[in-house]
N, C-alpha and C. Protein backbone atom coordinates (compact mmCIF):
# COMPACT_ATOMS: atom_id res chain seq x y z
N UNK A 1 29.80 275.60 41.98
CA UNK A 1 30.56 274.32 42.33
C UNK A 1 30.07 273.06 42.54
N UNK A 2 29.25 273.41 43.06
CA UNK A 2 28.28 272.14 43.48
C UNK A 2 27.64 271.50 41.82
N UNK A 3 27.41 272.74 41.03
CA UNK A 3 27.07 272.15 39.69
C UNK A 3 27.96 271.71 38.95
N UNK A 4 28.94 272.74 38.96
CA UNK A 4 30.32 271.49 38.66
C UNK A 4 30.63 270.62 38.55
N UNK A 5 30.86 270.47 39.90
CA UNK A 5 31.37 269.25 40.68
C UNK A 5 30.05 267.76 39.95
N UNK A 6 28.86 268.45 39.57
CA UNK A 6 27.79 267.60 39.52
C UNK A 6 28.38 267.02 37.97
N UNK A 7 28.52 267.91 37.39
CA UNK A 7 28.70 268.04 36.03
C UNK A 7 30.01 266.69 35.41
N UNK A 8 30.89 267.14 36.25
CA UNK A 8 32.04 266.46 36.51
C UNK A 8 31.77 264.89 36.62
N UNK A 9 31.24 265.08 37.94
CA UNK A 9 30.97 263.63 38.29
C UNK A 9 30.41 262.81 37.24
N UNK A 10 29.27 263.70 36.82
CA UNK A 10 28.05 263.11 35.60
C UNK A 10 28.73 262.56 34.42
N UNK A 11 30.12 263.28 34.00
CA UNK A 11 31.06 263.22 32.85
C UNK A 11 31.36 261.89 33.10
N UNK A 12 32.12 261.80 33.81
CA UNK A 12 33.12 261.12 34.70
C UNK A 12 32.26 260.21 34.76
N UNK A 13 31.25 259.50 35.08
CA UNK A 13 30.72 258.55 35.47
C UNK A 13 29.86 257.76 33.71
N UNK A 14 29.80 259.00 32.56
CA UNK A 14 29.46 258.50 30.94
C UNK A 14 30.20 257.86 30.89
N UNK A 15 31.85 258.65 30.53
CA UNK A 15 32.96 258.27 30.19
C UNK A 15 33.21 256.71 30.65
N UNK A 16 32.99 256.63 32.04
CA UNK A 16 33.01 255.40 32.52
C UNK A 16 32.41 254.38 31.78
N UNK A 17 31.16 254.66 31.84
CA UNK A 17 30.27 253.60 31.10
C UNK A 17 30.63 253.25 30.18
N UNK A 18 31.08 254.29 28.90
CA UNK A 18 30.90 254.00 27.63
C UNK A 18 32.05 252.71 27.85
N UNK A 19 33.33 253.34 28.46
CA UNK A 19 34.73 252.54 28.49
C UNK A 19 34.21 251.08 28.86
N UNK A 20 33.54 251.12 29.42
CA UNK A 20 32.81 249.57 30.37
C UNK A 20 32.09 249.25 29.06
N UNK A 21 31.14 249.72 28.63
CA UNK A 21 30.68 249.57 27.25
C UNK A 21 31.39 248.45 26.00
N UNK A 22 32.46 249.64 25.82
CA UNK A 22 32.97 249.27 24.85
C UNK A 22 33.87 248.32 25.24
N UNK A 23 34.48 247.64 26.22
CA UNK A 23 35.19 246.56 26.87
C UNK A 23 34.47 245.32 26.58
N UNK A 24 32.79 246.04 26.87
CA UNK A 24 32.00 244.05 27.04
C UNK A 24 31.56 244.03 25.56
N UNK A 25 31.38 245.07 24.69
CA UNK A 25 31.50 244.85 23.20
C UNK A 25 32.77 244.12 22.82
N UNK A 26 33.43 244.12 22.95
CA UNK A 26 34.84 243.88 22.79
C UNK A 26 35.26 242.33 23.44
N UNK A 27 34.76 242.13 24.64
CA UNK A 27 34.88 241.16 25.01
C UNK A 27 33.41 240.08 24.47
N UNK A 28 32.45 240.80 23.82
CA UNK A 28 31.48 239.80 23.28
C UNK A 28 31.74 239.45 21.84
N UNK A 29 32.87 240.33 21.12
CA UNK A 29 33.06 239.91 19.78
C UNK A 29 34.18 238.64 19.60
N UNK A 30 35.39 238.56 21.00
CA UNK A 30 36.22 238.07 20.80
C UNK A 30 36.50 236.71 21.70
N UNK A 31 35.49 235.78 21.18
CA UNK A 31 35.78 234.38 21.27
C UNK A 31 36.25 233.91 20.53
N UNK A 32 36.92 232.52 20.55
CA UNK A 32 37.77 231.92 19.81
C UNK A 32 37.19 231.93 18.43
N UNK A 33 35.80 231.41 18.25
CA UNK A 33 34.91 231.87 16.95
C UNK A 33 35.46 232.52 16.25
N UNK A 34 35.52 233.64 16.79
CA UNK A 34 35.94 234.92 15.84
C UNK A 34 37.14 235.46 15.65
N UNK A 35 38.33 234.51 15.98
CA UNK A 35 39.69 234.97 15.83
C UNK A 35 40.20 234.24 14.59
N UNK A 36 40.70 235.02 13.60
CA UNK A 36 41.09 234.95 12.42
C UNK A 36 42.49 234.73 12.04
N UNK A 37 43.29 234.24 11.63
CA UNK A 37 44.59 234.01 11.03
C UNK A 37 44.51 235.05 10.10
N UNK A 38 45.64 235.98 9.74
CA UNK A 38 45.95 236.78 8.81
C UNK A 38 45.52 236.48 7.19
N UNK A 39 45.32 237.25 6.44
CA UNK A 39 44.78 236.53 4.93
C UNK A 39 45.97 237.13 3.68
N UNK A 40 47.16 238.03 4.61
CA UNK A 40 47.72 238.56 3.87
C UNK A 40 49.02 238.51 3.90
N UNK A 41 49.29 237.37 3.95
CA UNK A 41 51.05 236.68 4.22
C UNK A 41 51.85 236.90 2.65
N UNK A 42 53.20 237.06 3.07
CA UNK A 42 53.91 237.05 2.04
C UNK A 42 54.85 235.95 2.39
N UNK A 43 54.34 234.93 2.03
CA UNK A 43 55.51 233.91 2.30
C UNK A 43 57.01 234.03 2.54
N UNK A 44 57.44 234.58 0.79
CA UNK A 44 58.50 234.94 0.51
C UNK A 44 59.40 236.40 1.80
N UNK A 45 59.02 236.63 1.84
CA UNK A 45 59.16 238.23 2.58
C UNK A 45 58.83 237.65 3.86
N UNK A 46 58.00 236.81 4.43
CA UNK A 46 58.07 236.25 5.58
C UNK A 46 59.47 235.21 6.26
N UNK A 47 59.75 234.59 5.55
CA UNK A 47 60.46 234.05 5.65
C UNK A 47 61.94 234.80 5.22
N UNK A 48 62.23 235.60 4.68
CA UNK A 48 63.34 236.35 4.06
C UNK A 48 64.66 236.79 5.21
N UNK A 49 63.98 236.80 6.67
CA UNK A 49 64.93 236.52 7.50
C UNK A 49 64.80 236.00 8.50
N UNK A 50 65.84 236.11 9.95
CA UNK A 50 65.57 235.28 11.10
C UNK A 50 64.55 236.41 11.45
N UNK A 51 63.72 235.31 12.00
CA UNK A 51 62.30 236.31 13.72
C UNK A 51 63.18 235.68 14.60
N UNK A 52 62.78 236.55 15.78
CA UNK A 52 63.46 236.64 17.25
C UNK A 52 61.92 236.60 18.28
N UNK A 53 61.94 235.89 19.40
CA UNK A 53 60.90 236.26 20.20
C UNK A 53 61.11 237.33 21.09
N UNK A 54 60.37 238.17 21.17
CA UNK A 54 60.62 239.02 22.29
C UNK A 54 60.08 239.03 23.58
N UNK A 55 58.77 238.32 23.31
CA UNK A 55 57.56 237.53 24.70
C UNK A 55 56.93 236.54 24.20
N UNK A 56 56.71 235.16 24.81
CA UNK A 56 56.21 234.26 24.68
C UNK A 56 55.48 233.58 26.15
N UNK A 57 54.77 232.44 25.80
CA UNK A 57 54.12 231.99 26.82
C UNK A 57 55.01 230.57 26.91
N UNK A 58 55.12 229.89 27.71
CA UNK A 58 55.99 228.75 28.66
C UNK A 58 55.33 227.58 27.72
N UNK A 59 55.95 227.26 27.51
CA UNK A 59 55.52 225.62 26.49
C UNK A 59 55.60 224.18 27.24
N UNK A 60 55.00 223.45 26.99
CA UNK A 60 55.17 222.09 27.34
C UNK A 60 56.81 221.73 26.54
N UNK A 61 57.19 222.18 25.67
CA UNK A 61 58.89 221.52 25.53
C UNK A 61 59.21 223.38 25.78
N UNK A 62 59.11 223.99 25.86
CA UNK A 62 60.01 224.87 26.15
C UNK A 62 59.51 225.48 27.98
N UNK A 63 60.83 225.38 28.56
CA UNK A 63 60.16 225.74 29.78
C UNK A 63 60.98 227.07 30.57
N UNK A 64 60.81 227.62 31.37
CA UNK A 64 60.79 228.94 31.58
C UNK A 64 62.21 229.40 31.21
N UNK A 65 63.08 228.33 31.84
CA UNK A 65 64.65 228.51 32.16
C UNK A 65 65.49 228.79 30.56
N UNK A 66 64.42 228.33 29.34
CA UNK A 66 65.29 228.45 28.00
C UNK A 66 64.29 229.52 27.33
N UNK A 67 64.23 230.32 27.94
CA UNK A 67 63.61 231.85 27.45
C UNK A 67 64.86 233.02 27.24
N UNK A 68 65.81 232.14 26.59
CA UNK A 68 67.20 232.62 26.18
C UNK A 68 67.67 233.09 24.59
N UNK A 69 67.24 234.10 23.71
CA UNK A 69 68.11 234.02 22.76
C UNK A 69 67.13 233.15 21.50
N UNK A 70 66.08 233.17 21.72
CA UNK A 70 64.86 232.28 21.22
C UNK A 70 64.90 233.09 19.69
N UNK A 71 64.88 232.28 18.71
CA UNK A 71 64.95 232.46 17.09
C UNK A 71 64.09 231.21 16.53
N UNK A 72 62.98 232.15 15.32
CA UNK A 72 62.87 230.59 14.56
C UNK A 72 63.52 231.14 13.09
N UNK A 73 63.85 230.51 12.45
CA UNK A 73 64.58 230.60 11.03
C UNK A 73 63.56 229.84 9.66
N UNK A 74 63.26 230.16 9.07
CA UNK A 74 62.47 229.81 8.03
C UNK A 74 62.97 229.86 6.65
N UNK A 75 62.58 228.17 6.08
CA UNK A 75 63.19 228.38 4.49
C UNK A 75 62.41 227.99 3.52
N UNK A 76 62.44 229.02 2.60
CA UNK A 76 61.43 228.36 1.82
C UNK A 76 62.14 228.57 0.03
N UNK A 77 61.73 227.49 -0.55
CA UNK A 77 61.44 226.38 -0.14
C UNK A 77 62.46 225.38 -0.14
N UNK A 78 62.32 224.22 1.15
CA UNK A 78 63.36 223.63 1.46
C UNK A 78 63.76 222.96 0.26
N UNK A 79 65.05 221.68 0.13
CA UNK A 79 65.47 221.10 -0.73
C UNK A 79 64.72 220.28 -1.32
N UNK A 80 64.71 219.67 -2.67
CA UNK A 80 63.67 219.07 -3.74
C UNK A 80 63.71 217.52 -2.84
N UNK A 81 64.13 217.27 -2.07
CA UNK A 81 63.69 215.87 -1.63
C UNK A 81 62.23 216.18 -0.60
N UNK A 82 62.46 217.05 0.37
CA UNK A 82 61.67 218.13 1.32
C UNK A 82 60.35 218.27 0.24
N UNK A 83 60.41 218.44 -0.84
CA UNK A 83 59.77 219.78 -0.86
C UNK A 83 58.59 218.80 -2.09
N UNK A 84 59.43 218.03 -2.94
CA UNK A 84 58.24 217.00 -3.98
C UNK A 84 58.20 215.58 -3.69
N UNK A 85 59.05 215.23 -2.61
CA UNK A 85 58.91 213.68 -2.28
C UNK A 85 57.66 213.66 -0.29
N UNK A 86 58.17 214.76 0.06
CA UNK A 86 57.19 214.13 1.36
C UNK A 86 56.58 215.34 1.03
N UNK A 87 56.45 216.88 0.43
CA UNK A 87 55.24 217.39 0.47
C UNK A 87 55.73 218.59 1.21
N UNK A 88 56.58 219.00 1.74
CA UNK A 88 56.83 220.21 2.96
C UNK A 88 56.80 220.88 2.24
N UNK A 89 56.30 222.13 2.85
CA UNK A 89 56.86 223.40 1.25
C UNK A 89 58.03 224.92 2.39
N UNK A 90 57.98 224.25 3.51
CA UNK A 90 59.18 224.84 4.51
C UNK A 90 59.89 224.36 5.36
N UNK A 91 61.39 224.30 5.41
CA UNK A 91 62.22 224.24 6.88
C UNK A 91 62.31 225.20 8.02
N UNK A 92 62.04 224.64 8.96
CA UNK A 92 61.76 225.63 10.06
C UNK A 92 62.88 225.60 11.04
N UNK A 93 63.45 226.01 11.67
CA UNK A 93 65.04 225.71 12.63
C UNK A 93 64.81 226.71 13.86
N UNK A 94 63.95 225.96 14.97
CA UNK A 94 64.35 226.56 15.62
C UNK A 94 65.74 226.46 17.07
N UNK A 95 65.56 227.74 17.97
CA UNK A 95 66.96 227.54 18.39
C UNK A 95 67.14 228.27 19.88
N UNK A 96 67.35 228.04 20.84
CA UNK A 96 66.63 228.95 22.31
C UNK A 96 68.73 228.13 22.94
N UNK A 97 68.09 229.45 23.85
CA UNK A 97 69.53 229.05 25.08
C UNK A 97 68.74 228.97 26.51
N UNK A 98 69.60 228.13 27.26
CA UNK A 98 68.93 227.55 28.45
C UNK A 98 70.01 229.00 29.29
N UNK A 99 69.53 228.68 31.03
CA UNK A 99 69.84 229.87 31.36
C UNK A 99 71.62 229.36 31.76
N UNK A 100 71.92 227.72 31.62
CA UNK A 100 73.46 228.02 31.88
C UNK A 100 73.92 228.16 30.56
N UNK A 101 73.44 228.40 29.68
CA UNK A 101 74.03 228.42 28.21
C UNK A 101 74.13 227.41 27.34
N UNK A 102 73.51 226.77 27.71
CA UNK A 102 73.25 225.61 27.01
C UNK A 102 72.44 225.32 25.65
N UNK A 103 72.87 225.31 24.56
CA UNK A 103 72.41 225.74 22.95
C UNK A 103 71.26 224.57 22.44
N UNK A 104 70.10 225.00 22.37
CA UNK A 104 69.25 223.94 22.26
C UNK A 104 68.39 224.15 20.83
N UNK A 105 68.80 223.52 19.76
CA UNK A 105 68.34 223.98 18.08
C UNK A 105 67.65 222.43 17.88
N UNK A 106 66.58 222.42 17.24
CA UNK A 106 65.75 221.28 16.38
C UNK A 106 65.11 221.90 15.16
N UNK A 107 65.06 220.85 14.23
CA UNK A 107 64.46 221.56 12.97
C UNK A 107 63.22 220.67 12.78
N UNK A 108 61.89 221.38 12.02
CA UNK A 108 61.16 220.78 11.77
C UNK A 108 60.65 221.05 10.36
N UNK A 109 59.85 220.82 9.66
CA UNK A 109 59.27 220.79 8.25
C UNK A 109 57.88 221.49 8.17
N UNK A 110 57.34 222.36 7.66
CA UNK A 110 56.24 222.80 7.55
C UNK A 110 55.30 223.40 6.08
N UNK A 111 54.27 223.15 6.51
CA UNK A 111 53.02 222.91 5.42
C UNK A 111 52.46 223.87 5.28
N UNK A 112 52.01 224.97 4.35
CA UNK A 112 51.14 225.75 4.14
C UNK A 112 49.89 225.47 3.79
N UNK A 113 48.85 226.01 5.04
CA UNK A 113 47.67 225.52 4.74
C UNK A 113 46.46 226.17 3.32
N UNK A 114 45.81 226.07 2.89
CA UNK A 114 44.82 226.91 1.88
C UNK A 114 44.18 227.66 2.87
N UNK A 115 44.10 227.34 4.40
CA UNK A 115 42.99 228.88 5.32
C UNK A 115 45.01 229.50 5.42
N UNK A 116 44.42 230.86 4.85
CA UNK A 116 45.26 231.85 5.00
C UNK A 116 46.16 232.23 6.20
N UNK A 117 47.52 232.30 6.08
CA UNK A 117 47.75 232.48 7.85
C UNK A 117 48.38 231.30 8.45
N UNK A 118 48.08 229.85 8.04
CA UNK A 118 48.12 228.89 8.64
C UNK A 118 48.83 227.78 8.03
N UNK A 119 49.52 227.31 9.00
CA UNK A 119 50.71 226.09 9.22
C UNK A 119 50.30 224.78 9.61
N UNK A 120 50.78 223.33 9.01
CA UNK A 120 51.10 222.56 9.96
C UNK A 120 52.96 222.64 10.12
N UNK A 121 53.11 222.38 11.37
CA UNK A 121 54.30 221.89 11.51
C UNK A 121 54.88 220.38 12.57
N UNK A 122 55.32 220.15 11.60
CA UNK A 122 55.44 218.74 12.08
C UNK A 122 57.01 217.94 11.50
N UNK A 123 57.15 216.81 12.19
CA UNK A 123 58.30 216.03 12.02
C UNK A 123 58.71 216.01 10.44
N UNK A 124 60.01 216.03 9.52
CA UNK A 124 60.21 216.24 8.41
C UNK A 124 59.93 214.59 7.86
N UNK A 125 60.08 213.61 9.01
CA UNK A 125 60.22 212.31 8.24
C UNK A 125 58.90 212.21 7.64
N UNK A 126 57.91 212.91 8.75
CA UNK A 126 56.47 212.13 8.15
C UNK A 126 55.82 212.92 6.81
N UNK A 127 55.28 212.50 5.74
CA UNK A 127 54.96 212.68 4.72
C UNK A 127 53.59 213.90 4.98
N UNK A 128 53.93 214.87 4.65
CA UNK A 128 53.04 216.05 4.89
C UNK A 128 51.68 215.59 4.65
N UNK A 129 51.47 215.01 3.29
CA UNK A 129 49.53 214.70 3.54
C UNK A 129 49.37 214.06 4.86
N UNK A 130 50.44 212.66 4.96
CA UNK A 130 50.04 211.82 6.16
C UNK A 130 49.43 213.11 7.40
N UNK A 131 50.55 213.54 7.56
CA UNK A 131 50.19 214.47 8.66
C UNK A 131 49.41 215.61 9.15
N UNK A 132 48.71 216.21 7.93
CA UNK A 132 47.66 217.35 7.38
C UNK A 132 46.51 216.51 7.86
N UNK A 133 46.20 214.62 7.11
CA UNK A 133 45.26 214.44 7.06
C UNK A 133 44.69 214.14 8.63
N UNK A 134 45.89 214.01 9.20
CA UNK A 134 45.45 213.45 10.51
C UNK A 134 45.16 214.46 11.80
N UNK A 135 46.01 215.90 11.84
CA UNK A 135 45.77 217.36 12.14
C UNK A 135 45.44 218.34 11.75
N UNK A 136 44.80 219.29 12.73
CA UNK A 136 44.44 220.19 12.18
C UNK A 136 45.64 221.17 11.99
N UNK A 137 45.59 222.45 11.46
CA UNK A 137 46.65 223.57 11.60
C UNK A 137 47.14 223.32 13.10
N UNK A 138 48.85 223.76 12.94
CA UNK A 138 49.37 223.83 14.16
C UNK A 138 49.67 224.97 14.43
N UNK A 139 50.08 226.02 13.55
CA UNK A 139 50.10 227.47 14.15
C UNK A 139 49.54 228.13 13.19
N UNK A 140 48.60 229.65 14.06
CA UNK A 140 48.36 230.38 13.19
C UNK A 140 49.09 231.74 13.53
N UNK A 141 49.14 232.97 12.06
CA UNK A 141 50.02 234.10 12.01
C UNK A 141 48.95 235.26 12.50
N UNK A 142 48.74 235.23 13.45
CA UNK A 142 47.13 236.13 13.95
C UNK A 142 47.73 237.93 13.67
N UNK A 143 49.00 237.91 13.09
CA UNK A 143 49.21 239.46 12.87
C UNK A 143 50.58 239.54 12.37
N UNK A 144 50.96 240.37 11.25
CA UNK A 144 51.99 240.60 10.76
C UNK A 144 51.87 241.62 9.72
N UNK A 145 53.50 242.53 10.02
CA UNK A 145 53.49 243.62 9.49
C UNK A 145 55.12 243.70 9.31
N UNK A 146 55.55 243.40 7.90
CA UNK A 146 56.64 243.28 7.90
C UNK A 146 57.53 244.47 8.02
N UNK A 147 56.52 245.49 7.54
CA UNK A 147 57.27 247.17 7.37
C UNK A 147 57.23 247.66 8.79
N UNK A 148 56.75 247.07 10.06
CA UNK A 148 57.10 247.45 11.24
C UNK A 148 57.24 246.03 11.98
N UNK A 149 58.00 245.36 11.41
CA UNK A 149 59.14 244.33 11.40
C UNK A 149 58.37 243.50 13.12
N UNK A 150 57.46 243.33 12.72
CA UNK A 150 57.01 241.95 13.98
C UNK A 150 55.79 241.25 13.54
N UNK A 151 55.53 239.90 14.37
CA UNK A 151 54.58 239.23 13.97
C UNK A 151 53.70 238.56 15.05
N UNK A 152 52.72 237.94 14.98
CA UNK A 152 51.88 236.99 16.21
C UNK A 152 51.46 235.89 15.81
N UNK A 153 52.32 235.03 16.64
CA UNK A 153 52.23 233.62 16.03
C UNK A 153 51.12 232.94 17.57
N UNK A 154 50.77 231.78 17.50
CA UNK A 154 49.86 231.13 18.32
C UNK A 154 49.81 229.75 17.67
N UNK A 155 49.52 228.78 18.83
CA UNK A 155 48.83 227.11 18.36
C UNK A 155 47.64 227.75 18.02
N UNK A 156 46.76 227.49 18.14
CA UNK A 156 45.39 227.04 17.46
C UNK A 156 44.37 227.80 18.69
N UNK A 157 43.75 228.89 18.67
CA UNK A 157 43.36 230.09 19.89
C UNK A 157 42.27 228.46 20.39
N UNK A 158 41.62 228.39 21.31
CA UNK A 158 40.92 227.22 22.10
C UNK A 158 40.26 227.60 23.37
N UNK A 159 40.90 228.74 24.26
CA UNK A 159 40.07 228.95 24.95
C UNK A 159 39.65 230.36 25.07
N UNK A 160 37.88 230.39 25.68
CA UNK A 160 37.55 231.46 25.60
C UNK A 160 37.84 231.75 27.21
N UNK A 161 37.95 233.25 27.04
CA UNK A 161 38.07 233.84 28.58
C UNK A 161 36.96 234.59 28.77
N UNK A 162 37.36 236.02 29.27
CA UNK A 162 36.22 236.99 29.43
C UNK A 162 37.12 238.45 29.00
N UNK A 163 38.18 238.28 28.53
CA UNK A 163 38.96 239.18 27.97
C UNK A 163 38.88 238.70 26.35
N UNK A 164 39.12 237.48 26.45
CA UNK A 164 39.56 237.23 24.49
C UNK A 164 39.59 235.76 24.28
N UNK A 165 40.55 235.34 23.69
CA UNK A 165 40.62 233.89 23.39
C UNK A 165 42.43 233.89 23.90
N UNK A 166 42.82 232.48 24.13
CA UNK A 166 44.15 232.16 24.36
C UNK A 166 44.08 231.21 23.86
N UNK A 167 45.56 230.38 23.65
CA UNK A 167 45.98 229.19 23.25
C UNK A 167 46.14 228.58 24.57
N UNK A 168 46.13 227.17 24.16
CA UNK A 168 45.84 225.99 25.78
C UNK A 168 47.29 226.73 26.12
N UNK A 169 46.87 226.23 27.47
CA UNK A 169 48.07 225.96 28.70
C UNK A 169 49.07 225.09 27.60
N UNK A 170 50.59 225.72 28.05
CA UNK A 170 51.65 225.19 27.41
C UNK A 170 51.83 224.82 26.19
N UNK A 171 50.81 225.12 25.38
CA UNK A 171 50.96 225.09 23.83
C UNK A 171 51.58 226.00 22.75
N UNK A 172 51.79 227.38 23.29
CA UNK A 172 52.73 228.43 22.60
C UNK A 172 52.04 229.63 22.01
N UNK A 173 52.61 230.80 22.30
CA UNK A 173 52.18 232.04 22.62
C UNK A 173 53.49 232.87 22.10
N UNK A 174 53.84 233.43 21.06
CA UNK A 174 54.98 234.18 20.48
C UNK A 174 54.58 235.54 19.89
N UNK A 175 55.58 236.63 20.30
CA UNK A 175 55.63 237.65 20.07
C UNK A 175 56.72 237.67 19.19
N UNK A 176 57.05 237.63 17.65
CA UNK A 176 58.07 237.89 16.91
C UNK A 176 58.56 239.43 16.23
N UNK A 177 59.55 239.66 16.35
CA UNK A 177 60.42 240.52 16.08
C UNK A 177 61.43 240.22 14.99
N UNK A 178 62.19 241.19 14.23
CA UNK A 178 63.16 241.03 13.77
C UNK A 178 64.73 241.30 14.24
N UNK A 179 64.54 242.12 15.06
CA UNK A 179 65.71 242.36 15.58
C UNK A 179 65.62 242.11 17.10
N UNK A 180 66.61 242.02 18.18
CA UNK A 180 66.34 241.52 19.29
C UNK A 180 66.79 242.67 20.04
N UNK A 181 67.55 243.82 19.11
CA UNK A 181 67.15 244.87 20.47
C UNK A 181 65.75 245.86 19.74
N UNK A 182 64.68 245.45 19.59
CA UNK A 182 63.78 245.84 18.99
C UNK A 182 63.10 246.95 20.01
N UNK A 183 62.31 247.96 19.57
CA UNK A 183 61.37 249.38 19.96
C UNK A 183 60.93 249.29 20.94
N UNK A 184 60.04 249.68 21.89
CA UNK A 184 58.92 249.55 22.55
C UNK A 184 57.91 249.68 21.86
N UNK A 185 58.37 250.89 20.72
CA UNK A 185 57.55 250.91 19.95
C UNK A 185 56.42 249.55 18.94
N UNK A 186 58.13 248.98 18.46
CA UNK A 186 56.92 247.82 17.53
C UNK A 186 56.55 246.95 19.04
N UNK A 187 56.97 246.17 19.89
CA UNK A 187 56.54 245.82 20.96
C UNK A 187 55.08 246.18 21.26
N UNK A 188 54.43 246.93 21.29
CA UNK A 188 53.80 247.56 21.55
C UNK A 188 52.27 247.82 20.43
N UNK A 189 52.69 247.87 19.42
CA UNK A 189 52.16 247.76 17.99
C UNK A 189 51.55 246.08 17.92
N UNK A 190 53.26 245.27 17.88
CA UNK A 190 52.73 243.94 18.39
C UNK A 190 51.12 243.57 19.09
N UNK A 191 51.58 243.82 20.56
CA UNK A 191 50.49 243.50 21.42
C UNK A 191 49.12 243.80 21.19
N UNK A 192 49.17 245.22 20.54
CA UNK A 192 47.71 245.92 20.25
C UNK A 192 47.00 244.80 18.84
N UNK A 193 47.88 244.23 17.87
CA UNK A 193 47.63 243.23 16.98
C UNK A 193 46.63 242.39 17.21
N UNK A 194 47.78 241.72 18.35
CA UNK A 194 47.15 240.76 19.02
C UNK A 194 46.28 240.56 19.71
N UNK A 195 45.21 241.26 20.63
CA UNK A 195 44.40 241.82 20.70
C UNK A 195 43.32 242.05 20.34
N UNK A 196 43.54 243.40 19.02
CA UNK A 196 42.86 243.64 17.92
C UNK A 196 42.13 242.08 17.19
N UNK A 197 43.14 241.27 17.01
CA UNK A 197 42.85 240.11 16.36
C UNK A 197 41.76 238.90 17.80
N UNK A 198 41.54 239.89 19.23
CA UNK A 198 40.79 238.81 19.88
C UNK A 198 41.23 238.04 20.96
N UNK A 199 42.87 238.28 21.03
CA UNK A 199 43.82 237.40 21.65
C UNK A 199 43.52 238.13 23.71
N UNK A 200 43.69 237.24 24.55
CA UNK A 200 43.48 237.73 25.87
C UNK A 200 45.00 237.88 25.70
N UNK A 201 45.86 239.19 26.68
CA UNK A 201 46.92 239.27 27.07
C UNK A 201 46.99 239.75 28.52
N UNK A 202 46.32 240.57 29.08
CA UNK A 202 46.20 240.70 30.10
C UNK A 202 46.57 239.46 31.05
N UNK A 203 45.40 238.85 30.70
CA UNK A 203 45.46 237.16 31.71
C UNK A 203 46.13 236.42 31.90
N UNK A 204 47.74 236.83 31.44
CA UNK A 204 48.19 235.68 30.73
C UNK A 204 49.46 235.49 31.71
N UNK A 205 49.61 234.58 33.00
CA UNK A 205 50.14 234.71 33.64
C UNK A 205 51.54 234.08 33.66
N UNK A 206 52.08 233.45 32.35
CA UNK A 206 53.42 232.63 31.82
C UNK A 206 53.59 233.18 30.50
N UNK A 207 53.59 234.63 30.37
CA UNK A 207 53.80 235.41 28.98
C UNK A 207 55.36 236.11 30.09
N UNK A 208 56.52 235.72 29.30
CA UNK A 208 57.52 236.43 29.58
C UNK A 208 58.52 237.20 28.78
N UNK A 209 59.44 238.22 29.05
CA UNK A 209 60.16 238.41 28.27
C UNK A 209 61.70 237.51 27.41
N UNK A 210 61.89 237.17 26.59
CA UNK A 210 63.12 236.87 26.40
C UNK A 210 64.44 237.79 26.55
N UNK A 211 65.30 236.74 26.89
CA UNK A 211 66.71 237.52 26.95
C UNK A 211 67.50 237.51 26.15
N UNK A 212 68.38 238.46 25.61
CA UNK A 212 69.52 238.24 24.56
C UNK A 212 70.45 239.30 24.80
N UNK A 213 70.72 239.24 26.32
CA UNK A 213 71.64 239.94 26.59
C UNK A 213 72.86 239.16 26.72
N UNK A 214 73.23 237.62 26.45
CA UNK A 214 74.13 237.14 26.61
C UNK A 214 74.16 235.75 25.49
N UNK A 215 74.07 236.10 24.00
CA UNK A 215 73.59 234.60 23.28
C UNK A 215 75.16 234.27 22.67
N UNK A 216 75.49 232.93 22.44
CA UNK A 216 76.23 232.11 22.13
C UNK A 216 75.96 231.66 20.63
N UNK A 217 75.00 232.25 19.84
CA UNK A 217 75.16 231.77 18.52
C UNK A 217 75.95 232.47 17.61
N UNK A 218 76.31 231.89 16.56
CA UNK A 218 77.40 232.73 16.00
C UNK A 218 77.08 233.20 14.62
N UNK A 219 76.03 232.69 13.83
CA UNK A 219 75.78 232.76 12.40
C UNK A 219 74.54 233.85 12.23
């Protein structure tokens, strides 16, 4: 019995050591410099239907009180004026509701970067060539699977932690899904994809579910 206990204890220590080693290796690889946006985004498929937000971080422009019915719609391409004269590739419509039912909607334009999976998002009235010359890409697609119906979006990852990389506090991080009644399997796959991309999830203290129990948007 003592021998069995010793062997079981030794086995447990080895497994624990291996687990700690794997976590350590993962952390060593998960600096922000190693985080990459995806390289295989089909823009037509990505913009083919609305995206709903399953979970997101609090942003400076979207407080916790507006984590209801959050939706992003992309139009490809925008109308001729925005595309040909202003240089934008997409129109972006963002929608959310407050806890009191207030509907908040705002539109932007987006420019697809030469860097795969990255976008500039800015005010449509500013020509894209000016906006892109001043600012780095705003948003990164860190994971995307149309078949599994999820995407992981972040502002440019900049903050190194012991468990991986994070976006700056207040800047934004989103788990996109195609359906408001998404499955746990879809959500878990998205979280796993985010972690595989090098992002820290467990350490986030401002990462909350979005509520779709009572939405007022009709279309």
